[in-house]
Protein backbone atom coordinates (compact mmCIF):
# COMPACT_ATOMS: atom_id res chain seq x y z
CA LYS A 1 168.70 60.65 -148.58
CA ALA A 2 172.04 59.84 -146.97
CA PHE A 3 173.50 57.84 -149.87
CA PRO A 4 174.18 60.82 -152.18
CA LYS A 5 175.95 62.58 -149.31
CA VAL A 6 178.12 59.50 -148.75
CA MET A 7 179.03 59.63 -152.45
CA ALA A 8 179.82 63.36 -152.08
CA ILE A 9 182.16 62.64 -149.18
CA MET A 10 183.82 59.88 -151.21
CA GLU A 11 184.26 62.35 -154.08
CA ARG A 12 186.03 64.74 -151.72
CA LEU A 13 188.11 61.88 -150.36
CA LEU A 14 189.25 60.96 -153.89
CA ALA A 15 190.66 64.46 -154.30
CA SER A 16 192.98 63.92 -151.32
CA PRO A 17 196.33 62.10 -151.37
CA PHE A 18 194.72 59.28 -149.35
CA GLY A 19 191.93 58.99 -151.93
CA VAL A 20 194.35 58.92 -154.84
CA MET A 21 196.25 56.12 -153.12
CA HIS A 22 193.06 54.12 -152.55
CA ALA A 23 191.13 54.95 -155.75
CA ILE A 24 191.54 51.43 -157.16
CA SER A 25 190.13 49.89 -153.97
CA ILE A 26 187.20 52.30 -153.99
CA VAL A 27 186.38 51.54 -157.63
CA ARG A 28 186.74 47.80 -157.01
CA TYR A 29 184.27 47.97 -154.12
CA LEU A 30 181.79 50.07 -156.11
CA ASP A 31 182.14 47.69 -159.06
CA GLU A 32 181.09 44.74 -156.90
CA TYR A 33 178.32 46.73 -155.23
CA LEU A 34 176.99 47.97 -158.57
CA SER A 35 176.91 44.41 -159.91
CA THR A 36 174.96 43.26 -156.87
CA LEU A 37 172.50 46.14 -157.17
CA ALA A 38 172.03 45.53 -160.91
CA GLU A 39 170.76 42.02 -160.17
CA ASP A 40 167.56 43.68 -158.94
CA GLU A 41 167.68 46.87 -160.99
CA GLU A 42 164.01 47.69 -160.57
CA ARG A 43 164.39 47.87 -156.81
CA ASN A 44 167.81 49.59 -156.80
CA LYS A 45 167.50 52.26 -159.51
CA TYR A 46 168.18 55.11 -157.09
CA LEU A 47 171.45 53.67 -155.76
CA ILE A 48 172.56 52.54 -159.23
CA SER A 49 172.01 56.05 -160.59
CA TRP A 50 174.06 57.68 -157.83
CA ILE A 51 176.93 55.21 -158.11
CA SER A 52 176.89 55.62 -161.89
CA TYR A 53 176.96 59.41 -161.59
CA PHE A 54 179.87 59.19 -159.15
CA LEU A 55 181.89 56.80 -161.34
CA VAL A 56 181.22 58.57 -164.63
CA GLY A 57 181.51 62.12 -163.28
CA ASN A 58 184.86 61.37 -161.66
CA GLY A 59 186.29 59.47 -164.64
CA LEU A 60 186.34 56.13 -162.83
CA ARG A 61 184.02 54.10 -165.03
CA SER A 62 186.93 52.71 -167.06
CA GLY A 63 188.15 51.00 -163.86
CA LEU A 64 185.11 48.72 -163.72
CA LYS A 65 185.72 45.06 -164.45
CA LYS A 66 182.09 44.38 -165.34
CA THR A 67 179.59 46.53 -167.18
CA PRO A 68 176.15 45.97 -165.70
CA ARG A 69 173.30 45.22 -168.07
CA LEU A 70 170.88 47.99 -167.28
CA ARG A 71 167.41 48.01 -168.79
CA ASP A 72 165.87 51.10 -167.22
CA PRO A 73 166.33 54.23 -169.36
CA ILE A 74 167.20 56.42 -166.36
CA THR A 75 169.93 54.14 -165.00
CA ARG A 76 171.27 53.55 -168.54
CA THR A 77 171.33 57.30 -169.18
CA THR A 78 173.40 57.96 -166.08
CA PHE A 79 175.74 55.00 -166.56
CA ASN A 80 176.34 55.69 -170.26
CA ASN A 81 176.51 59.48 -169.80
CA ARG A 82 174.17 59.74 -172.77
CA SER A 83 170.43 60.30 -172.85
CA GLN A 84 168.33 57.21 -173.43
CA ILE A 85 165.10 59.21 -173.25
CA PHE A 86 163.61 61.30 -176.07
CA LYS A 87 166.52 60.41 -178.36
CA GLN A 88 164.44 61.13 -181.43
CA HIS A 89 163.80 64.75 -180.31
CA ARG A 90 167.08 66.62 -180.64
CA GLU A 91 165.47 69.96 -179.77
CA PHE A 92 164.40 68.65 -176.35
CA ARG A 93 167.33 68.34 -173.96
CA LEU A 94 166.47 66.55 -170.75
CA PHE A 95 169.91 65.29 -169.74
CA VAL A 96 173.19 67.13 -169.19
CA GLY A 97 176.08 64.68 -168.97
CA CYS A 98 177.61 63.59 -165.67
CA VAL A 99 181.08 64.73 -166.71
CA LYS A 100 179.88 68.17 -167.73
CA THR A 101 177.87 68.56 -164.54
CA ARG A 102 180.77 67.38 -162.35
CA LYS A 103 183.03 70.00 -163.95
CA ARG A 104 180.53 72.70 -162.95
CA ILE A 105 179.92 71.67 -159.34
CA THR A 106 181.02 69.00 -156.88
CA LEU A 107 178.49 66.72 -155.24
CA ALA A 108 179.41 68.15 -151.83
CA ASN A 109 178.60 71.68 -152.97
CA HIS A 110 175.45 70.67 -154.84
CA LEU A 111 174.09 68.72 -151.86
CA ASN A 112 175.28 71.25 -149.25
CA VAL A 113 176.97 68.46 -147.33
CA TRP A 114 178.94 70.81 -145.08
CA ARG A 115 176.12 73.24 -144.34
CA PRO A 116 174.90 72.92 -140.75
CA LEU A 117 171.25 72.09 -140.23
CA ASN A 118 169.03 74.92 -139.00
């Protein structure tokens, strides 16, 4: 449960002058981490999906050196920002793109990162 909140904090960090200065380093680290996770995709789908959402939603995917070969339709959907499920049924919309979602709400707001626990 903590990993998405870490990604939300990183998203906030990227919006700061410090984050802008270190964006390349952050993407480089996530690129390596994503590659490592993709080696055992079945076990790491959750983390892969969150990293993919973060990279795609924040326009950082183009900074990746390697594109992981993802087989799972959920991880591929998130990474490619395009539904890989129910493609033949245009009337059924299961996936709203990462970019579109990120424009509507930040991860920090969606996950209530700054809300104190009751």
